[in-house]
Amino acid sequence: MIRAEHISKTFGDREVLKDISAVFEPGQTNLIIGKSGSGKTVFLKCIVGLLEVDEGTIYYDEKLFTGLDFTGKKEIRKEMGMLFQGSALFDSMSVEENVRFPLDMFTTMTDEEKLDRVNFCLKRVNLVNSNPLFPSELSGGMKKRVAIARAIALNPRFLFCDEPNSGLDPKTSIIIDELIREITIEMNMTTIVNTHDMNSVMENGEKIIFIEEGEKCWEGNKNEILKSDCRILNEFVFANALARQLKESSR
């Protein structure tokens, strides 16, 4: 479980986050949604410790993350998996080397143990025998699956995904959504996804936080979002649904 309490963050004179609190439970897909510039990415970066909060506290289970020094945060980061918007694979490394990278960084496993773990993770994302390929030889969807395999290599308790469907077609997006949901349940991870994809919201939105201009304006799940009386949320949902329809009709 991750608990954020009264998080505020300012850059210069601009208050980007304003007193946001949220609880993210394990074994379910937790979504942070909002338009570009709403503060959702800053909120995610604060949760993982890439940005220091100005006010508020963040707990991983019952451990106060915001009160830890570098060494203490590093220990919790070993339990984190990250899926970046652009996949962030190393172009000069093969698929096997990319997935093995966190194992080389944070474990004392033997080469044989590392290879077993790499192969297990690649099999889980349906990329068996892709070990020798390089990122330039992969499709966008395959790159995302390699990135997921790398993110779960250390068997993390916490998984963070920043716009995982960015640049993907609708069919591939659904595959990635299903994979994230399945792995979250199997590994009982606390998964937080930063997205504006309404298909992801309706498929994976077991817990949704909607942020607008740095404030949490609504909280609920995928069954409640279409019944909301929050005007700003309704405008966001409608605008994204319309944009998705226009995009698909132009293909």
Protein backbone atom coordinates (compact mmCIF):
# COMPACT_ATOMS: atom_id res chain seq x y z
CA MET A 1 0.00 0.00 0.00
CA ILE A 2 1.10 3.57 -0.70
CA ARG A 3 -0.40 6.48 1.21
CA ALA A 4 0.08 10.13 0.21
CA GLU A 5 -1.08 12.75 2.70
CA HIS A 6 -1.55 16.46 1.97
CA ILE A 7 1.05 16.66 -0.81
CA SER A 8 1.93 20.12 -2.08
CA LYS A 9 4.63 21.10 -4.56
CA THR A 10 5.65 24.51 -5.88
CA PHE A 11 7.99 25.52 -8.68
CA GLY A 12 8.90 29.17 -8.26
CA ASP A 13 5.63 31.08 -7.84
CA ARG A 14 3.55 28.29 -9.35
CA GLU A 15 1.80 25.87 -7.02
CA VAL A 16 1.65 22.64 -9.07
CA LEU A 17 0.16 20.35 -6.40
CA LYS A 18 -2.29 21.58 -3.79
CA ASP A 19 -2.91 19.44 -0.70
CA ILE A 20 -3.47 16.09 -2.47
CA SER A 21 -4.17 12.97 -0.41
CA ALA A 22 -4.73 9.44 -1.74
CA VAL A 23 -4.38 5.79 -0.76
CA PHE A 24 -3.29 3.19 -3.33
CA GLU A 25 -4.04 -0.42 -2.48
CA PRO A 26 -2.13 -3.56 -3.59
CA GLY A 27 -3.56 -6.05 -6.06
CA GLN A 28 -5.45 -3.45 -8.06
CA THR A 29 -4.68 -0.94 -10.79
CA ASN A 30 -4.72 2.61 -9.42
CA LEU A 31 -5.00 5.37 -12.01
CA ILE A 32 -4.04 9.04 -11.90
CA ILE A 33 -5.81 10.91 -14.70
CA GLY A 34 -5.96 14.52 -15.86
CA LYS A 35 -5.18 16.67 -18.87
CA SER A 36 -1.64 17.70 -19.80
CA GLY A 37 -0.27 20.18 -17.26
CA SER A 38 -2.74 19.16 -14.55
CA GLY A 39 0.02 18.02 -12.18
CA LYS A 40 -0.46 14.25 -12.46
CA THR A 41 3.12 13.59 -13.63
CA VAL A 42 4.54 15.76 -10.85
CA PHE A 43 2.39 13.86 -8.34
CA LEU A 44 3.74 10.54 -9.62
CA LYS A 45 7.33 11.81 -9.46
CA CYS A 46 6.76 12.90 -5.86
CA ILE A 47 5.42 9.47 -4.95
CA VAL A 48 8.50 7.68 -6.33
CA GLY A 49 10.87 10.25 -4.84
CA LEU A 50 12.13 11.82 -8.07
CA LEU A 51 10.87 15.13 -6.69
CA GLU A 52 10.90 16.24 -3.06
CA VAL A 53 7.55 17.41 -1.73
CA ASP A 54 7.28 20.88 -0.19
CA GLU A 55 4.57 19.76 2.21
CA GLY A 56 2.99 16.44 3.11
CA THR A 57 4.10 12.86 3.69
CA ILE A 58 4.29 9.63 1.68
CA TYR A 59 4.17 6.18 3.26
CA TYR A 60 5.10 2.84 1.72
CA ASP A 61 3.08 0.48 3.87
CA GLU A 62 3.77 1.98 7.27
CA LYS A 63 7.25 3.29 6.48
CA LEU A 64 7.57 7.06 6.12
CA PHE A 65 9.26 7.41 2.71
CA THR A 66 9.55 11.21 2.78
CA GLY A 67 11.47 10.98 6.07
CA LEU A 68 14.19 8.66 4.78
CA ASP A 69 17.72 9.59 3.71
CA PHE A 70 19.21 8.50 0.36
CA THR A 71 20.20 5.05 1.64
CA GLY A 72 16.77 4.42 3.16
CA LYS A 73 14.97 5.47 -0.02
CA LYS A 74 17.30 3.29 -2.10
CA GLU A 75 16.18 0.22 -0.15
CA ILE A 76 12.52 0.93 -0.97
CA ARG A 77 13.40 1.74 -4.59
CA LYS A 78 14.72 -1.82 -4.93
CA GLU A 79 11.08 -2.86 -4.50
CA MET A 80 9.87 -0.52 -7.28
CA GLY A 81 9.36 -1.28 -10.95
CA MET A 82 9.13 1.54 -13.49
CA LEU A 83 7.48 1.57 -16.91
CA PHE A 84 8.36 4.80 -18.71
CA GLN A 85 6.31 6.56 -21.38
CA GLY A 86 8.80 5.89 -24.17
CA SER A 87 9.77 2.45 -22.83
CA ALA A 88 13.32 3.82 -22.15
CA LEU A 89 15.11 0.73 -23.42
CA PHE A 90 18.86 0.96 -23.95
CA ASP A 91 19.35 0.98 -27.74
CA SER A 92 22.83 -0.55 -27.52
CA MET A 93 21.60 -3.49 -25.41
CA SER A 94 19.74 -6.59 -26.52
CA VAL A 95 16.34 -7.50 -25.10
CA GLU A 96 18.05 -9.91 -22.71
CA GLU A 97 20.54 -7.29 -21.55
CA ASN A 98 17.79 -4.70 -21.04
CA VAL A 99 15.75 -7.03 -18.83
CA ARG A 100 18.87 -8.19 -16.97
CA PHE A 101 19.99 -4.62 -16.25
CA PRO A 102 18.25 -4.21 -12.85
CA LEU A 103 19.43 -7.69 -11.82
CA ASP A 104 23.02 -6.63 -12.54
CA MET A 105 22.50 -3.40 -10.61
CA PHE A 106 20.77 -4.64 -7.48
CA THR A 107 21.36 -8.37 -6.99
CA THR A 108 24.18 -10.85 -6.39
CA MET A 109 22.51 -13.55 -8.48
CA THR A 110 24.69 -15.80 -10.62
CA ASP A 111 24.64 -15.43 -14.40
CA GLU A 112 22.56 -18.61 -14.65
CA GLU A 113 20.03 -17.30 -12.11
CA LYS A 114 19.81 -13.98 -13.95
CA LEU A 115 19.18 -15.73 -17.26
CA ASP A 116 16.46 -17.87 -15.67
CA ARG A 117 14.77 -14.75 -14.31
CA VAL A 118 15.08 -12.91 -17.63
CA ASN A 119 13.54 -15.83 -19.50
CA PHE A 120 10.73 -16.11 -16.95
CA CYS A 121 9.88 -12.40 -17.33
CA LEU A 122 10.03 -12.52 -21.13
CA LYS A 123 7.79 -15.58 -21.18
CA ARG A 124 5.31 -13.76 -18.94
CA VAL A 125 5.00 -10.93 -21.46
CA ASN A 126 4.79 -13.36 -24.41
CA LEU A 127 8.24 -12.61 -25.85
CA VAL A 128 9.87 -16.04 -25.72
CA ASN A 129 13.12 -16.30 -27.75
CA SER A 130 13.37 -12.53 -28.22
CA ASN A 131 16.59 -12.38 -26.14
CA PRO A 132 19.04 -11.50 -28.96
CA LEU A 133 16.89 -8.81 -30.58
CA PHE A 134 17.66 -5.11 -30.23
CA PRO A 135 15.11 -2.30 -29.64
CA SER A 136 15.42 -1.16 -33.26
CA GLU A 137 14.07 -4.55 -34.33
CA LEU A 138 10.95 -4.32 -32.14
CA SER A 139 7.51 -2.87 -32.71
CA GLY A 140 6.11 -0.28 -30.31
CA GLY A 141 4.04 -2.90 -28.50
CA MET A 142 7.01 -5.27 -28.20
CA LYS A 143 9.13 -2.47 -26.72
CA LYS A 144 6.47 -1.86 -24.08
CA ARG A 145 6.37 -5.57 -23.24
CA VAL A 146 10.16 -5.69 -22.89
CA ALA A 147 9.92 -2.64 -20.63
CA ILE A 148 7.30 -4.43 -18.51
CA ALA A 149 9.54 -7.51 -18.30
CA ARG A 150 12.38 -5.28 -17.08
CA ALA A 151 10.07 -3.55 -14.60
CA ILE A 152 9.10 -6.87 -12.96
CA ALA A 153 12.59 -8.43 -13.08
CA LEU A 154 13.23 -7.67 -9.40
CA ASN A 155 9.81 -9.02 -8.41
CA PRO A 156 8.72 -5.57 -7.19
CA ARG A 157 6.01 -4.80 -4.68
CA PHE A 158 5.29 -1.42 -6.33
CA LEU A 159 4.85 -0.75 -10.06
CA PHE A 160 4.67 2.72 -11.63
CA CYS A 161 3.58 3.28 -15.23
CA ASP A 162 3.78 6.65 -16.97
CA GLU A 163 1.42 6.80 -19.98
CA PRO A 164 1.98 3.10 -20.88
CA ASN A 165 -0.21 3.33 -24.01
CA SER A 166 1.42 6.41 -25.46
CA GLY A 167 2.03 5.96 -29.20
CA LEU A 168 0.24 2.59 -29.42
CA ASP A 169 -2.73 1.65 -31.58
CA PRO A 170 -6.01 0.75 -29.79
CA LYS A 171 -5.57 -3.03 -30.15
CA THR A 172 -2.03 -3.00 -28.75
CA SER A 173 -3.12 -0.63 -25.98
CA ILE A 174 -5.71 -3.16 -24.84
CA ILE A 175 -3.03 -5.89 -24.75
CA ILE A 176 -0.75 -3.72 -22.61
CA ASP A 177 -3.66 -2.80 -20.28
CA GLU A 178 -4.56 -6.45 -19.80
CA LEU A 179 -0.94 -7.40 -19.17
CA ILE A 180 -0.49 -4.71 -16.51
CA ARG A 181 -3.74 -5.75 -14.81
CA GLU A 182 -2.89 -9.47 -14.86
CA ILE A 183 0.64 -8.98 -13.50
CA THR A 184 -0.66 -6.63 -10.80
CA ILE A 185 -3.06 -9.30 -9.55
CA GLU A 186 -0.59 -12.19 -9.87
CA MET A 187 2.18 -10.40 -7.99
CA ASN A 188 -0.17 -8.51 -5.64
CA MET A 189 1.63 -5.28 -6.47
CA THR A 190 0.57 -1.75 -5.71
CA THR A 191 0.35 -0.43 -9.27
CA ILE A 192 -0.08 3.25 -10.11
CA VAL A 193 -0.70 4.27 -13.72
CA ASN A 194 -0.48 7.84 -14.97
CA THR A 195 -2.75 8.11 -18.03
CA HIS A 196 -5.27 10.10 -20.04
CA ASP A 197 -6.38 7.10 -22.13
CA MET A 198 -10.09 6.58 -21.49
CA ASN A 199 -9.95 2.98 -22.73
CA SER A 200 -7.42 2.30 -19.96
CA VAL A 201 -9.67 4.06 -17.48
CA MET A 202 -12.70 1.93 -18.40
CA GLU A 203 -10.68 -1.31 -18.46
CA ASN A 204 -8.31 -0.90 -15.50
CA GLY A 205 -9.82 1.84 -13.36
CA GLU A 206 -10.37 0.04 -10.08
CA LYS A 207 -9.26 3.21 -8.28
CA ILE A 208 -9.11 6.56 -10.09
CA ILE A 209 -7.78 9.93 -8.95
CA PHE A 210 -8.67 12.88 -11.19
CA ILE A 211 -6.38 15.91 -10.90
CA GLU A 212 -7.19 19.33 -12.32
CA GLU A 213 -4.86 22.35 -11.92
CA GLY A 214 -2.98 20.63 -9.11
CA GLU A 215 -6.03 19.64 -7.06
CA LYS A 216 -7.72 16.29 -6.59
CA CYS A 217 -11.19 17.02 -7.96
CA TRP A 218 -12.66 13.51 -7.95
CA GLU A 219 -11.96 9.99 -6.70
CA GLY A 220 -13.80 6.79 -7.59
CA ASN A 221 -13.71 3.78 -9.92
CA LYS A 222 -14.55 2.93 -13.54
CA ASN A 223 -18.16 2.09 -12.64
CA GLU A 224 -18.70 5.48 -11.04
CA ILE A 225 -16.84 7.78 -13.44
CA LEU A 226 -19.64 8.03 -16.03
CA LYS A 227 -22.16 8.85 -13.30
CA SER A 228 -20.10 11.64 -11.76
CA ASP A 229 -21.63 15.08 -11.21
CA CYS A 230 -18.15 16.68 -11.38
CA ARG A 231 -18.42 19.04 -14.36
CA ILE A 232 -14.66 19.28 -14.98
CA LEU A 233 -14.31 15.49 -14.95
CA ASN A 234 -17.25 15.08 -17.33
CA GLU A 235 -15.67 17.54 -19.77
CA PHE A 236 -12.37 15.64 -19.58
CA VAL A 237 -14.05 12.27 -20.18
CA PHE A 238 -16.11 13.58 -23.12
CA ALA A 239 -13.17 15.37 -24.75
CA ASN A 240 -10.96 12.28 -24.55
CA ALA A 241 -13.68 9.94 -25.79
CA LEU A 242 -14.33 12.26 -28.75
CA ALA A 243 -10.63 12.54 -29.57
CA ARG A 244 -10.30 8.76 -29.48
CA GLN A 245 -13.25 8.31 -31.87
CA LEU A 246 -11.83 10.89 -34.31
CA LYS A 247 -8.42 9.23 -34.20
CA GLU A 248 -9.84 5.79 -34.90
CA SER A 249 -12.15 7.02 -37.70
CA SER A 250 -9.18 8.63 -39.48
CA ARG A 251 -7.26 5.33 -39.72
